[in-house]
PDB file of N, CA and C in Angstrom:
ATOM      1  N   MET A   1     113.853 147.295  70.906  1.00  0.00           N
ATOM      2  CA  MET A   1     113.411 147.953  72.279  1.00  0.00           C
ATOM      3  C   MET A   1     113.938 149.817  71.717  1.00  0.00           C
ATOM      4  N   CYS A   2     113.539 150.797  72.829  1.00  0.00           N
ATOM      5  CA  CYS A   2     113.973 151.989  72.455  1.00  0.00           C
ATOM      6  C   CYS A   2     115.169 152.066  73.161  1.00  0.00           C
ATOM      7  N   GLY A   3     116.204 153.349  72.969  1.00  0.00           N
ATOM      8  CA  GLY A   3     117.465 153.659  73.358  1.00  0.00           C
ATOM      9  C   GLY A   3     117.227 153.167  74.558  1.00  0.00           C
ATOM     10  N   VAL A   4     118.584 152.692  75.102  1.00  0.00           N
ATOM     11  CA  VAL A   4     119.072 151.973  76.275  1.00  0.00           C
ATOM     12  C   VAL A   4     117.932 152.939  77.641  1.00  0.00           C
ATOM     13  N   GLN A   5     118.099 154.763  77.348  1.00  0.00           N
ATOM     14  CA  GLN A   5     117.880 155.401  78.255  1.00  0.00           C
ATOM     15  C   GLN A   5     116.283 155.387  78.546  1.00  0.00           C
ATOM     16  N   ASP A   6     115.905 154.759  77.612  1.00  0.00           N
ATOM     17  CA  ASP A   6     114.040 154.993  77.453  1.00  0.00           C
ATOM     18  C   ASP A   6     113.743 153.332  78.456  1.00  0.00           C
ATOM     19  N   LEU A   7     114.455 152.736  78.921  1.00  0.00           N
ATOM     20  CA  LEU A   7     114.350 151.273  79.351  1.00  0.00           C
ATOM     21  C   LEU A   7     114.124 151.307  80.818  1.00  0.00           C
ATOM     22  N   ASN A   8     113.680 150.201  81.491  1.00  0.00           N
ATOM     23  CA  ASN A   8     112.706 150.255  83.042  1.00  0.00           C
ATOM     24  C   ASN A   8     112.941 148.894  83.396  1.00  0.00           C
ATOM     25  N   ALA A   9     113.193 148.473  84.602  1.00  0.00           N
ATOM     26  CA  ALA A   9     113.958 147.076  85.302  1.00  0.00           C
ATOM     27  C   ALA A   9     112.055 146.130  83.831  1.00  0.00           C
ATOM     28  N   ARG A  10     111.392 146.451  84.180  1.00  0.00           N
ATOM     29  CA  ARG A  10     110.587 145.817  83.760  1.00  0.00           C
ATOM     30  C   ARG A  10     110.541 144.920  82.485  1.00  0.00           C
ATOM     31  N   ASP A  11     110.826 146.663  81.248  1.00  0.00           N
ATOM     32  CA  ASP A  11     111.356 146.105  79.544  1.00  0.00           C
ATOM     33  C   ASP A  11     112.313 145.032  80.298  1.00  0.00           C
ATOM     34  N   LEU A  12     113.359 145.347  80.322  1.00  0.00           N
ATOM     35  CA  LEU A  12     114.732 144.125  80.291  1.00  0.00           C
ATOM     36  C   LEU A  12     114.039 142.707  81.163  1.00  0.00           C
ATOM     37  N   LEU A  13     113.637 142.767  82.013  1.00  0.00           N
ATOM     38  CA  LEU A  13     113.006 141.545  82.894  1.00  0.00           C
ATOM     39  C   LEU A  13     111.670 140.585  81.358  1.00  0.00           C
ATOM     40  N   MET A  14     110.615 141.386  80.965  1.00  0.00           N
ATOM     41  CA  MET A  14     110.077 141.171  79.397  1.00  0.00           C
ATOM     42  C   MET A  14     110.957 140.329  78.099  1.00  0.00           C
ATOM     43  N   HIS A  15     111.711 141.623  78.176  1.00  0.00           N
ATOM     44  CA  HIS A  15     113.190 141.362  77.144  1.00  0.00           C
ATOM     45  C   HIS A  15     113.049 139.956  77.359  1.00  0.00           C
ATOM     46  N   LEU A  16     113.799 139.491  79.122  1.00  0.00           N
ATOM     47  CA  LEU A  16     114.656 138.112  78.675  1.00  0.00           C
ATOM     48  C   LEU A  16     113.456 137.326  78.937  1.00  0.00           C
ATOM     49  N   HIS A  17     112.042 137.585  79.193  1.00  0.00           N
ATOM     50  CA  HIS A  17     111.097 136.258  79.199  1.00  0.00           C
ATOM     51  C   HIS A  17     110.832 136.435  77.514  1.00  0.00           C
ATOM     52  N   GLU A  18     110.463 137.161  76.940  1.00  0.00           N
ATOM     53  CA  GLU A  18     110.102 137.151  75.273  1.00  0.00           C
ATOM     54  C   GLU A  18     110.909 136.086  74.608  1.00  0.00           C
ATOM     55  N   TRP A  19     112.325 136.679  74.969  1.00  0.00           N
ATOM     56  CA  TRP A  19     113.373 135.844  74.417  1.00  0.00           C
ATOM     57  C   TRP A  19     113.472 134.227  74.933  1.00  0.00           C
ATOM     58  N   HIS A  20     112.966 133.461  76.170  1.00  0.00           N
ATOM     59  CA  HIS A  20     112.766 132.551  76.725  1.00  0.00           C
ATOM     60  C   HIS A  20     111.654 131.618  75.980  1.00  0.00           C
ATOM     61  N   GLU A  21     110.235 132.908  75.895  1.00  0.00           N
ATOM     62  CA  GLU A  21     109.529 132.087  75.320  1.00  0.00           C
ATOM     63  C   GLU A  21     109.809 131.515  74.063  1.00  0.00           C
ATOM     64  N   MET A  22     110.226 132.838  72.943  1.00  0.00           N
ATOM     65  CA  MET A  22     110.800 131.950  71.799  1.00  0.00           C
ATOM     66  C   MET A  22     111.481 130.708  71.807  1.00  0.00           C
ATOM     67  N   PHE A  23     112.573 130.867  72.750  1.00  0.00           N
ATOM     68  CA  PHE A  23     113.640 129.878  72.485  1.00  0.00           C
ATOM     69  C   PHE A  23     112.473 128.641  72.685  1.00  0.00           C
ATOM     70  N   LEU A  24     111.480 128.215  73.416  1.00  0.00           N
ATOM     71  CA  LEU A  24     110.981 127.464  74.405  1.00  0.00           C
ATOM     72  C   LEU A  24     109.777 126.880  73.146  1.00  0.00           C
ATOM     73  N   ARG A  25     109.280 127.395  72.237  1.00  0.00           N
ATOM     74  CA  ARG A  25     108.459 127.800  71.064  1.00  0.00           C
ATOM     75  C   ARG A  25     109.614 126.842  70.004  1.00  0.00           C
ATOM     76  N   TRP A  26     110.683 127.561  69.814  1.00  0.00           N
ATOM     77  CA  TRP A  26     111.497 126.786  68.576  1.00  0.00           C
ATOM     78  C   TRP A  26     111.481 125.347  68.781  1.00  0.00           C
ATOM     79  N   TYR A  27     112.194 125.054  70.619  1.00  0.00           N
ATOM     80  CA  TYR A  27     112.884 123.988  70.421  1.00  0.00           C
ATOM     81  C   TYR A  27     111.535 122.534  70.814  1.00  0.00           C
ATOM     82  N   GLU A  28     110.358 122.902  71.153  1.00  0.00           N
ATOM     83  CA  GLU A  28     109.100 121.877  71.154  1.00  0.00           C
ATOM     84  C   GLU A  28     108.755 121.574  69.971  1.00  0.00           C
ATOM     85  N   ASP A  29     109.219 123.180  68.869  1.00  0.00           N
ATOM     86  CA  ASP A  29     108.534 122.661  67.960  1.00  0.00           C
ATOM     87  C   ASP A  29     109.520 121.735  66.849  1.00  0.00           C
ATOM     88  N   ASN A  30     110.814 121.965  66.949  1.00  0.00           N
ATOM     89  CA  ASN A  30     111.563 121.241  66.265  1.00  0.00           C
ATOM     90  C   ASN A  30     111.494 119.806  67.165  1.00  0.00           C
ATOM     91  N   MET A  31     111.330 119.629  68.172  1.00  0.00           N
ATOM     92  CA  MET A  31     112.119 118.821  68.992  1.00  0.00           C
ATOM     93  C   MET A  31     110.525 117.940  68.419  1.00  0.00           C
ATOM     94  N   SER A  32     109.817 118.202  68.197  1.00  0.00           N
ATOM     95  CA  SER A  32     107.891 117.391  67.910  1.00  0.00           C
ATOM     96  C   SER A  32     108.695 116.896  66.419  1.00  0.00           C
ATOM     97  N   GLY A  33     109.279 117.311  65.676  1.00  0.00           N
ATOM     98  CA  GLY A  33     109.378 117.294  64.369  1.00  0.00           C
ATOM     99  C   GLY A  33     109.352 118.339  62.837  1.00  0.00           C
ATOM    100  N   LYS A  34     109.155 119.342  63.943  1.00  0.00           N
ATOM    101  CA  LYS A  34     108.874 120.547  62.552  1.00  0.00           C
ATOM    102  C   LYS A  34     109.933 120.604  62.432  1.00  0.00           C
ATOM    103  N   ASP A  35     110.494 121.579  61.384  1.00  0.00           N
ATOM    104  CA  ASP A  35     111.182 122.437  61.226  1.00  0.00           C
ATOM    105  C   ASP A  35     111.174 124.367  60.988  1.00  0.00           C
ATOM    106  N   VAL A  36     111.676 124.579  62.299  1.00  0.00           N
ATOM    107  CA  VAL A  36     110.767 125.925  62.202  1.00  0.00           C
ATOM    108  C   VAL A  36     112.204 126.676  62.685  1.00  0.00           C
ATOM    109  N   PRO A  37     112.610 128.082  61.503  1.00  0.00           N
ATOM    110  CA  PRO A  37     113.861 128.792  62.186  1.00  0.00           C
ATOM    111  C   PRO A  37     113.399 128.916  63.308  1.00  0.00           C
ATOM    112  N   PHE A  38     114.827 129.489  64.132  1.00  0.00           N
ATOM    113  CA  PHE A  38     114.672 130.501  65.279  1.00  0.00           C
ATOM    114  C   PHE A  38     113.641 131.584  65.848  1.00  0.00           C
ATOM    115  N   LEU A  39     113.972 132.441  64.772  1.00  0.00           N
ATOM    116  CA  LEU A  39     112.833 134.034  64.653  1.00  0.00           C
ATOM    117  C   LEU A  39     111.742 133.244  64.136  1.00  0.00           C
ATOM    118  N   PRO A  40     111.166 134.387  64.455  1.00  0.00           N
ATOM    119  CA  PRO A  40     109.773 134.077  63.933  1.00  0.00           C
ATOM    120  C   PRO A  40     109.670 134.397  62.594  1.00  0.00           C
ATOM    121  N   GLU A  41     109.000 134.245  61.671  1.00  0.00           N
ATOM    122  CA  GLU A  41     108.719 134.510  60.309  1.00  0.00           C
ATOM    123  C   GLU A  41     108.650 135.853  60.064  1.00  0.00           C
ATOM    124  N   GLY A  42     109.572 136.397  58.729  1.00  0.00           N
ATOM    125  CA  GLY A  42     109.719 138.366  58.567  1.00  0.00           C
ATOM    126  C   GLY A  42     110.928 138.695  59.073  1.00  0.00           C
ATOM    127  N   PHE A  43     111.524 137.805  60.259  1.00  0.00           N
ATOM    128  CA  PHE A  43     112.615 138.431  60.954  1.00  0.00           C
ATOM    129  C   PHE A  43     113.868 137.935  60.312  1.00  0.00           C
ATOM    130  N   SER A  44     115.228 138.184  60.866  1.00  0.00           N
ATOM    131  CA  SER A  44     116.296 137.810  60.272  1.00  0.00           C
ATOM    132  C   SER A  44     116.959 138.229  61.428  1.00  0.00           C
ATOM    133  N   TRP A  45     118.153 138.096  61.636  1.00  0.00           N
ATOM    134  CA  TRP A  45     119.105 138.276  62.936  1.00  0.00           C
ATOM    135  C   TRP A  45     119.817 139.785  63.246  1.00  0.00           C
ATOM    136  N   LYS A  46     120.040 140.395  61.697  1.00  0.00           N
ATOM    137  CA  LYS A  46     120.111 141.406  61.599  1.00  0.00           C
ATOM    138  C   LYS A  46     118.796 142.525  62.019  1.00  0.00           C
ATOM    139  N   MET A  47     117.258 141.736  61.989  1.00  0.00           N
ATOM    140  CA  MET A  47     116.598 142.970  62.677  1.00  0.00           C
ATOM    141  C   MET A  47     116.141 142.343  63.781  1.00  0.00           C
ATOM    142  N   THR A  48     117.359 141.680  64.593  1.00  0.00           N
ATOM    143  CA  THR A  48     116.677 141.923  66.307  1.00  0.00           C
ATOM    144  C   THR A  48     116.521 143.260  66.749  1.00  0.00           C
ATOM    145  N   PRO A  49     117.052 144.051  66.305  1.00  0.00           N
ATOM    146  CA  PRO A  49     116.749 145.262  67.196  1.00  0.00           C
ATOM    147  C   PRO A  49     115.052 146.110  67.187  1.00  0.00           C
ATOM    148  N   GLU A  50     114.203 145.213  65.576  1.00  0.00           N
ATOM    149  CA  GLU A  50     112.985 145.782  65.181  1.00  0.00           C
ATOM    150  C   GLU A  50     112.104 144.850  66.121  1.00  0.00           C
ATOM    151  N   LEU A  51     112.980 143.038  66.156  1.00  0.00           N
ATOM    152  CA  LEU A  51     111.929 142.175  66.771  1.00  0.00           C
ATOM    153  C   LEU A  51     111.959 142.607  68.326  1.00  0.00           C
ATOM    154  N   ASN A  52     112.884 143.032  68.854  1.00  0.00           N
ATOM    155  CA  ASN A  52     112.836 143.736  70.177  1.00  0.00           C
ATOM    156  C   ASN A  52     111.805 144.471  70.448  1.00  0.00           C
ATOM    157  N   LYS A  53     111.629 145.482  69.382  1.00  0.00           N
ATOM    158  CA  LYS A  53     110.862 146.688  69.488  1.00  0.00           C
ATOM    159  C   LYS A  53     109.193 146.206  69.951  1.00  0.00           C
ATOM    160  N   GLU A  54     109.166 145.294  68.826  1.00  0.00           N
ATOM    161  CA  GLU A  54     107.632 144.500  68.524  1.00  0.00           C
ATOM    162  C   GLU A  54     107.262 143.561  70.290  1.00  0.00           C
ATOM    163  N   PHE A  55     108.777 143.119  70.873  1.00  0.00           N
ATOM    164  CA  PHE A  55     107.893 142.511  71.982  1.00  0.00           C
ATOM    165  C   PHE A  55     108.157 143.359  73.169  1.00  0.00           C
ATOM    166  N   TRP A  56     108.725 145.030  72.979  1.00  0.00           N
ATOM    167  CA  TRP A  56     108.723 145.872  74.077  1.00  0.00           C
ATOM    168  C   TRP A  56     107.438 146.467  73.520  1.00  0.00           C
ATOM    169  N   LYS A  57     106.585 146.586  72.484  1.00  0.00           N
ATOM    170  CA  LYS A  57     105.321 147.591  72.361  1.00  0.00           C
ATOM    171  C   LYS A  57     104.253 146.213  73.131  1.00  0.00           C
ATOM    172  N   GLY A  58     104.578 145.726  72.969  1.00  0.00           N
ATOM    173  CA  GLY A  58     103.472 144.238  73.631  1.00  0.00           C
ATOM    174  C   GLY A  58     103.389 144.349  75.242  1.00  0.00           C
ATOM    175  N   TYR A  59     104.310 144.611  76.034  1.00  0.00           N
ATOM    176  CA  TYR A  59     104.241 144.234  77.151  1.00  0.00           C
ATOM    177  C   TYR A  59     104.118 146.039  78.446  1.00  0.00           C
ATOM    178  N   GLN A  60     104.171 146.984  77.281  1.00  0.00           N
ATOM    179  CA  GLN A  60     103.776 148.275  78.944  1.00  0.00           C
ATOM    180  C   GLN A  60     102.668 148.390  79.426  1.00  0.00           C
ATOM    181  N   GLY A  61     101.814 147.736  78.845  1.00  0.00           N
ATOM    182  CA  GLY A  61     100.638 147.539  80.245  1.00  0.00           C
ATOM    183  C   GLY A  61     101.293 146.308  81.426  1.00  0.00           C
ATOM    184  N   ALA A  62     102.252 146.045  80.861  1.00  0.00           N
ATOM    185  CA  ALA A  62     102.393 145.232  82.328  1.00  0.00           C
ATOM    186  C   ALA A  62     103.422 146.044  83.625  1.00  0.00           C
ATOM    187  N   THR A  63     102.962 144.984  84.704  1.00  0.00           N
ATOM    188  CA  THR A  63     104.091 145.396  85.787  1.00  0.00           C
ATOM    189  C   THR A  63     105.054 145.282  86.313  1.00  0.00           C
ATOM    190  N   LEU A  64     106.002 145.875  87.158  1.00  0.00           N
ATOM    191  CA  LEU A  64     107.775 145.533  87.421  1.00  0.00           C
ATOM    192  C   LEU A  64     106.914 143.904  88.436  1.00  0.00           C
ATOM    193  N   ALA A  65     105.758 143.359  88.849  1.00  0.00           N
ATOM    194  CA  ALA A  65     105.484 142.926  89.491  1.00  0.00           C
ATOM    195  C   ALA A  65     105.142 141.269  88.606  1.00  0.00           C
ATOM    196  N   GLU A  66     104.180 141.801  87.515  1.00  0.00           N
ATOM    197  CA  GLU A  66     103.695 140.500  86.690  1.00  0.00           C
ATOM    198  C   GLU A  66     105.935 140.131  85.607  1.00  0.00           C
ATOM    199  N   ALA A  67     106.105 140.780  85.577  1.00  0.00           N
ATOM    200  CA  ALA A  67     107.603 140.931  84.670  1.00  0.00           C
ATOM    201  C   ALA A  67     108.359 140.061  85.451  1.00  0.00           C
ATOM    202  N   LYS A  68     108.274 139.911  86.685  1.00  0.00           N
ATOM    203  CA  LYS A  68     109.359 138.833  87.727  1.00  0.00           C
ATOM    204  C   LYS A  68     108.380 137.894  87.416  1.00  0.00           C
ATOM    205  N   VAL A  69     107.230 138.021  87.363  1.00  0.00           N
ATOM    206  CA  VAL A  69     106.705 136.334  87.330  1.00  0.00           C
ATOM    207  C   VAL A  69     106.573 135.782  86.272  1.00  0.00           C
ATOM    208  N   LEU A  70     106.544 136.692  85.311  1.00  0.00           N
ATOM    209  CA  LEU A  70     106.906 135.724  83.867  1.00  0.00           C
ATOM    210  C   LEU A  70     108.216 135.761  83.520  1.00  0.00           C
ATOM    211  N   VAL A  71     108.935 135.649  83.799  1.00  0.00           N
ATOM    212  CA  VAL A  71     110.750 136.171  83.746  1.00  0.00           C
ATOM    213  C   VAL A  71     111.299 134.627  84.505  1.00  0.00           C
ATOM    214  N   ARG A  72     110.557 134.551  85.817  1.00  0.00           N
ATOM    215  CA  ARG A  72     110.821 133.707  86.583  1.00  0.00           C
ATOM    216  C   ARG A  72     110.287 132.090  85.941  1.00  0.00           C
ATOM    217  N   GLU A  73     109.046 132.355  85.967  1.00  0.00           N
ATOM    218  CA  GLU A  73     108.286 130.895  85.320  1.00  0.00           C
ATOM    219  C   GLU A  73     109.261 130.546  83.831  1.00  0.00           C
ATOM    220  N   SER A  74     109.454 131.429  83.240  1.00  0.00           N
ATOM    221  CA  SER A  74     109.819 130.498  81.590  1.00  0.00           C
ATOM    222  C   SER A  74     111.159 130.680  81.836  1.00  0.00           C
ATOM    223  N   HIS A  75     112.350 131.071  82.457  1.00  0.00           N
ATOM    224  CA  HIS A  75     113.446 130.519  83.518  1.00  0.00           C
ATOM    225  C   HIS A  75     113.717 129.364  83.848  1.00  0.00           C
ATOM    226  N   LYS A  76     112.143 128.941  84.536  1.00  0.00           N
ATOM    227  CA  LYS A  76     112.453 127.854  85.054  1.00  0.00           C
ATOM    228  C   LYS A  76     111.977 126.792  83.752  1.00  0.00           C
ATOM    229  N   LYS A  77     111.325 127.020  83.175  1.00  0.00           N
ATOM    230  CA  LYS A  77     110.732 126.088  82.011  1.00  0.00           C
ATOM    231  C   LYS A  77     112.331 125.613  81.046  1.00  0.00           C
ATOM    232  N   VAL A  78     113.115 126.700  80.534  1.00  0.00           N
ATOM    233  CA  VAL A  78     113.922 126.611  79.748  1.00  0.00           C
ATOM    234  C   VAL A  78     115.302 125.905  80.642  1.00  0.00           C
ATOM    235  N   MET A  79     115.708 125.906  82.401  1.00  0.00           N
ATOM    236  CA  MET A  79     116.119 125.020  82.908  1.00  0.00           C
ATOM    237  C   MET A  79     115.850 124.014  82.754  1.00  0.00           C
ATOM    238  N   ASP A  80     114.250 123.451  82.638  1.00  0.00           N
ATOM    239  CA  ASP A  80     114.245 122.322  82.821  1.00  0.00           C
ATOM    240  C   ASP A  80     114.636 121.535  81.267  1.00  0.00           C
ATOM    241  N   ILE A  81     114.478 122.072  80.296  1.00  0.00           N
ATOM    242  CA  ILE A  81     114.985 121.846  79.129  1.00  0.00           C
ATOM    243  C   ILE A  81     116.577 121.390  79.246  1.00  0.00           C
ATOM    244  N   VAL A  82     117.335 121.952  79.819  1.00  0.00           N
ATOM    245  CA  VAL A  82     118.869 122.072  80.150  1.00  0.00           C
ATOM    246  C   VAL A  82     119.018 120.451  81.060  1.00  0.00           C
ATOM    247  N   ARG A  83     118.485 120.338  81.958  1.00  0.00           N
ATOM    248  CA  ARG A  83     118.220 119.370  83.036  1.00  0.00           C
ATOM    249  C   ARG A  83     117.891 117.987  81.872  1.00  0.00           C
ATOM    250  N   LYS A  84     117.248 117.840  80.822  1.00  0.00           N
ATOM    251  CA  LYS A  84     116.845 116.912  80.329  1.00  0.00           C
ATOM    252  C   LYS A  84     117.997 116.492  79.204  1.00  0.00           C
ATOM    253  N   HIS A  85     118.645 117.277  78.991  1.00  0.00           N
ATOM    254  CA  HIS A  85     119.970 116.607  78.112  1.00  0.00           C
ATOM    255  C   HIS A  85     121.604 116.275  78.383  1.00  0.00           C
ATOM    256  N   THR A  86     121.818 115.593  77.977  1.00  0.00           N
ATOM    257  CA  THR A  86     123.549 115.400  78.252  1.00  0.00           C
ATOM    258  C   THR A  86     124.354 116.199  77.795  1.00  0.00           C
ATOM    259  N   ASN A  87     125.134 116.344  78.191  1.00  0.00           N
ATOM    260  CA  ASN A  87     126.154 116.996  77.447  1.00  0.00           C
ATOM    261  C   ASN A  87     126.397 117.060  76.300  1.00  0.00           C
ATOM    262  N   GLU A  88     126.793 115.719  75.825  1.00  0.00           N
ATOM    263  CA  GLU A  88     126.680 115.835  74.410  1.00  0.00           C
ATOM    264  C   GLU A  88     125.548 116.372  73.406  1.00  0.00           C
ATOM    265  N   GLU A  89     124.677 115.599  74.574  1.00  0.00           N
ATOM    266  CA  GLU A  89     123.202 116.355  73.578  1.00  0.00           C
ATOM    267  C   GLU A  89     123.429 118.170  73.235  1.00  0.00           C
ATOM    268  N   LEU A  90     123.821 118.793  74.552  1.00  0.00           N
ATOM    269  CA  LEU A  90     123.759 119.931  74.568  1.00  0.00           C
ATOM    270  C   LEU A  90     124.933 120.498  73.712  1.00  0.00           C
ATOM    271  N   PHE A  91     126.075 120.419  73.850  1.00  0.00           N
ATOM    272  CA  PHE A  91     127.139 120.674  72.964  1.00  0.00           C
ATOM    273  C   PHE A  91     128.070 119.866  71.925  1.00  0.00           C
ATOM    274  N   THR A  92     127.327 119.242  71.484  1.00  0.00           N
ATOM    275  CA  THR A  92     127.981 118.537  69.971  1.00  0.00           C
ATOM    276  C   THR A  92     127.399 119.006  69.099  1.00  0.00           C
ATOM    277  N   LYS A  93     127.960 120.237  68.402  1.00  0.00           N
ATOM    278  CA  LYS A  93     127.494 121.058  67.006  1.00  0.00           C
ATOM    279  C   LYS A  93     126.712 120.163  66.160  1.00  0.00           C
ATOM    280  N   GLY A  94     125.615 120.505  65.879  1.00  0.00           N
ATOM    281  CA  GLY A  94     125.118 119.659  64.992  1.00  0.00           C
ATOM    282  C   GLY A  94     124.136 118.656  65.600  1.00  0.00           C
ATOM    283  N   TYR A  95     124.733 118.155  66.953  1.00  0.00           N
ATOM    284  CA  TYR A  95     123.892 116.979  67.355  1.00  0.00           C
ATOM    285  C   TYR A  95     122.339 117.282  66.799  1.00  0.00           C
ATOM    286  N   TYR A  96     121.758 117.588  66.996  1.00  0.00           N
ATOM    287  CA  TYR A  96     119.915 117.948  66.442  1.00  0.00           C
ATOM    288  C   TYR A  96     120.424 119.161  65.096  1.00  0.00           C
ATOM    289  N   LYS A  97     120.072 118.534  63.988  1.00  0.00           N
ATOM    290  CA  LYS A  97     119.709 118.815  62.341  1.00  0.00           C
ATOM    291  C   LYS A  97     119.375 120.456  62.740  1.00  0.00           C
ATOM    292  N   TRP A  98     118.480 120.707  63.324  1.00  0.00           N
ATOM    293  CA  TRP A  98     118.074 121.859  63.570  1.00  0.00           C
ATOM    294  C   TRP A  98     118.741 123.039  64.052  1.00  0.00           C
ATOM    295  N   THR A  99     119.477 122.834  64.855  1.00  0.00           N
ATOM    296  CA  THR A  99     120.311 123.700  65.655  1.00  0.00           C
ATOM    297  C   THR A  99     121.119 124.346  64.344  1.00  0.00           C
ATOM    298  N   GLY A 100     121.829 124.004  63.398  1.00  0.00           N
ATOM    299  CA  GLY A 100     122.351 124.335  62.318  1.00  0.00           C
ATOM    300  C   GLY A 100     123.470 124.227  62.405  1.00  0.00           C
ATOM    301  N   THR A 101     124.285 124.579  62.425  1.00  0.00           N
ATOM    302  CA  THR A 101     125.980 124.886  62.962  1.00  0.00           C
ATOM    303  C   THR A 101     126.649 124.448  64.002  1.00  0.00           C
ATOM    304  N   THR A 102     125.796 125.385  65.031  1.00  0.00           N
ATOM    305  CA  THR A 102     125.985 125.748  67.110  1.00  0.00           C
ATOM    306  C   THR A 102     125.409 123.921  67.391  1.00  0.00           C
ATOM    307  N   SER A 103     125.087 124.276  68.942  1.00  0.00           N
ATOM    308  CA  SER A 103     125.182 123.074  69.511  1.00  0.00           C
ATOM    309  C   SER A 103     123.663 123.566  70.187  1.00  0.00           C
ATOM    310  N   LEU A 104     122.457 123.250  70.361  1.00  0.00           N
ATOM    311  CA  LEU A 104     121.540 123.173  71.485  1.00  0.00           C
ATOM    312  C   LEU A 104     122.186 124.311  72.750  1.00  0.00           C
ATOM    313  N   GLY A 105     123.286 123.695  73.301  1.00  0.00           N
ATOM    314  CA  GLY A 105     123.722 123.894  74.646  1.00  0.00           C
ATOM    315  C   GLY A 105     124.312 125.534  74.008  1.00  0.00           C
ATOM    316  N   GLN A 106     124.356 126.421  72.925  1.00  0.00           N
ATOM    317  CA  GLN A 106     125.133 127.506  72.657  1.00  0.00           C
ATOM    318  C   GLN A 106     123.625 128.405  72.389  1.00  0.00           C
ATOM    319  N   TYR A 107     122.693 127.751  72.119  1.00  0.00           N
ATOM    320  CA  TYR A 107     121.469 128.188  72.066  1.00  0.00           C
ATOM    321  C   TYR A 107     120.992 129.272  73.563  1.00  0.00           C
ATOM    322  N   LEU A 108     120.912 128.059  74.208  1.00  0.00           N
ATOM    323  CA  LEU A 108     120.745 127.906  75.954  1.00  0.00           C
ATOM    324  C   LEU A 108     121.468 128.653  76.399  1.00  0.00           C
ATOM    325  N   VAL A 109     122.811 129.153  75.999  1.00  0.00           N
ATOM    326  CA  VAL A 109     123.837 130.277  76.818  1.00  0.00           C
ATOM    327  C   VAL A 109     123.254 131.556  76.900  1.00  0.00           C
ATOM    328  N   SER A 110     122.892 131.370  75.053  1.00  0.00           N
ATOM    329  CA  SER A 110     122.701 132.594  74.671  1.00  0.00           C
ATOM    330  C   SER A 110     121.278 133.065  75.217  1.00  0.00           C
ATOM    331  N   GLU A 111     120.755 132.213  75.684  1.00  0.00           N
ATOM    332  CA  GLU A 111     119.301 132.752  75.933  1.00  0.00           C
ATOM    333  C   GLU A 111     119.410 132.726  77.810  1.00  0.00           C
ATOM    334  N   THR A 112     120.326 132.502  77.955  1.00  0.00           N
ATOM    335  CA  THR A 112     120.893 132.662  80.104  1.00  0.00           C
ATOM    336  C   THR A 112     121.660 132.930  80.153  1.00  0.00           C
ATOM    337  N   SER A 113     122.691 132.746  80.368  1.00  0.00           N
ATOM    338  CA  SER A 113     123.625 133.680  81.366  1.00  0.00           C
ATOM    339  C   SER A 113     124.201 134.873  80.149  1.00  0.00           C
ATOM    340  N   SER A 114     124.372 134.443  79.338  1.00  0.00           N
ATOM    341  CA  SER A 114     124.713 135.510  78.707  1.00  0.00           C
ATOM    342  C   SER A 114     123.534 137.522  78.435  1.00  0.00           C
ATOM    343  N   HIS A 115     122.877 136.544  78.114  1.00  0.00           N
ATOM    344  CA  HIS A 115     121.202 137.466  78.480  1.00  0.00           C
ATOM    345  C   HIS A 115     121.638 137.945  79.602  1.00  0.00           C
ATOM    346  N   TYR A 116     121.535 137.136  80.505  1.00  0.00           N
ATOM    347  CA  TYR A 116     121.538 138.164  81.874  1.00  0.00           C
ATOM    348  C   TYR A 116     122.353 138.575  82.193  1.00  0.00           C
ATOM    349  N   ASP A 117     123.719 138.130  81.724  1.00  0.00           N
ATOM    350  CA  ASP A 117     125.099 139.402  81.989  1.00  0.00           C
ATOM    351  C   ASP A 117     124.781 140.552  81.401  1.00  0.00           C
ATOM    352  N   TRP A 118     124.002 140.568  79.713  1.00  0.00           N
ATOM    353  CA  TRP A 118     123.549 142.044  79.630  1.00  0.00           C
ATOM    354  C   TRP A 118     122.978 142.875  79.719  1.00  0.00           C
ATOM    355  N   ALA A 119     121.525 141.992  80.297  1.00  0.00           N
ATOM    356  CA  ALA A 119     120.888 142.712  81.317  1.00  0.00           C
ATOM    357  C   ALA A 119     121.147 143.271  82.758  1.00  0.00           C
ATOM    358  N   THR A 120     121.698 142.614  83.140  1.00  0.00           N
ATOM    359  CA  THR A 120     122.554 143.237  84.634  1.00  0.00           C
ATOM    360  C   THR A 120     123.123 144.192  84.618  1.00  0.00           C
ATOM    361  N   LYS A 121     124.206 144.379  83.434  1.00  0.00           N
ATOM    362  CA  LYS A 121     125.000 145.868  82.581  1.00  0.00           C
ATOM    363  C   LYS A 121     123.624 147.018  82.512  1.00  0.00           C
ATOM    364  N   LEU A 122     123.123 146.551  81.922  1.00  0.00           N
ATOM    365  CA  LEU A 122     121.985 147.539  81.962  1.00  0.00           C
ATOM    366  C   LEU A 122     121.338 148.089  83.111  1.00  0.00           C
ATOM    367  N   LEU A 123     120.718 147.368  83.913  1.00  0.00           N
ATOM    368  CA  LEU A 123     120.231 147.852  85.088  1.00  0.00           C
ATOM    369  C   LEU A 123     121.055 148.065  86.052  1.00  0.00           C
ATOM    370  N   LYS A 124     122.437 147.690  86.228  1.00  0.00           N
ATOM    371  CA  LYS A 124     123.261 148.629  86.853  1.00  0.00           C
ATOM    372  C   LYS A 124     123.265 150.103  86.167  1.00  0.00           C
ATOM    373  N   LYS A 125     123.639 150.264  84.754  1.00  0.00           N
ATOM    374  CA  LYS A 125     123.032 151.749  84.366  1.00  0.00           C
ATOM    375  C   LYS A 125     122.219 152.430  84.415  1.00  0.00           C
ATOM    376  N   LEU A 126     120.885 151.864  85.214  1.00  0.00           N
ATOM    377  CA  LEU A 126     119.534 152.623  85.263  1.00  0.00           C
ATOM    378  C   LEU A 126     119.512 152.944  86.264  1.00  0.00           C
ATOM    379  N   LYS A 127     120.593 152.251  87.385  1.00  0.00           N
ATOM    380  CA  LYS A 127     120.509 152.939  88.800  1.00  0.00           C
ATOM    381  C   LYS A 127     120.794 153.970  89.032  1.00  0.00           C
TER     382      LYS A 127
END
């Protein structure tokens, strides 16, 4: 993404939506037996600013209303996954081989509450 000063509410909502969608693809692929990394090919965790900028570029034509709908829909899909799993499945490190040294639940926390906290703080700054 651009600098924080350049962001607006639509940008933040679409950012959340894109990360939800990335999680959902990763989850579905791995649950179906494919062994795929979390981040898209060509990106590493050190490159998340570049990834976020690519996401940002892709939705500049979206409206705030569209962003609200998309983030609600993708949030619901992520929450549906949470409800499918037991606490053991969610929070036992390595329960799923494809989560590596962390747990599925930690990915979900990162994609939801931690990310929402980040976005909320930025929204307050933008007001």
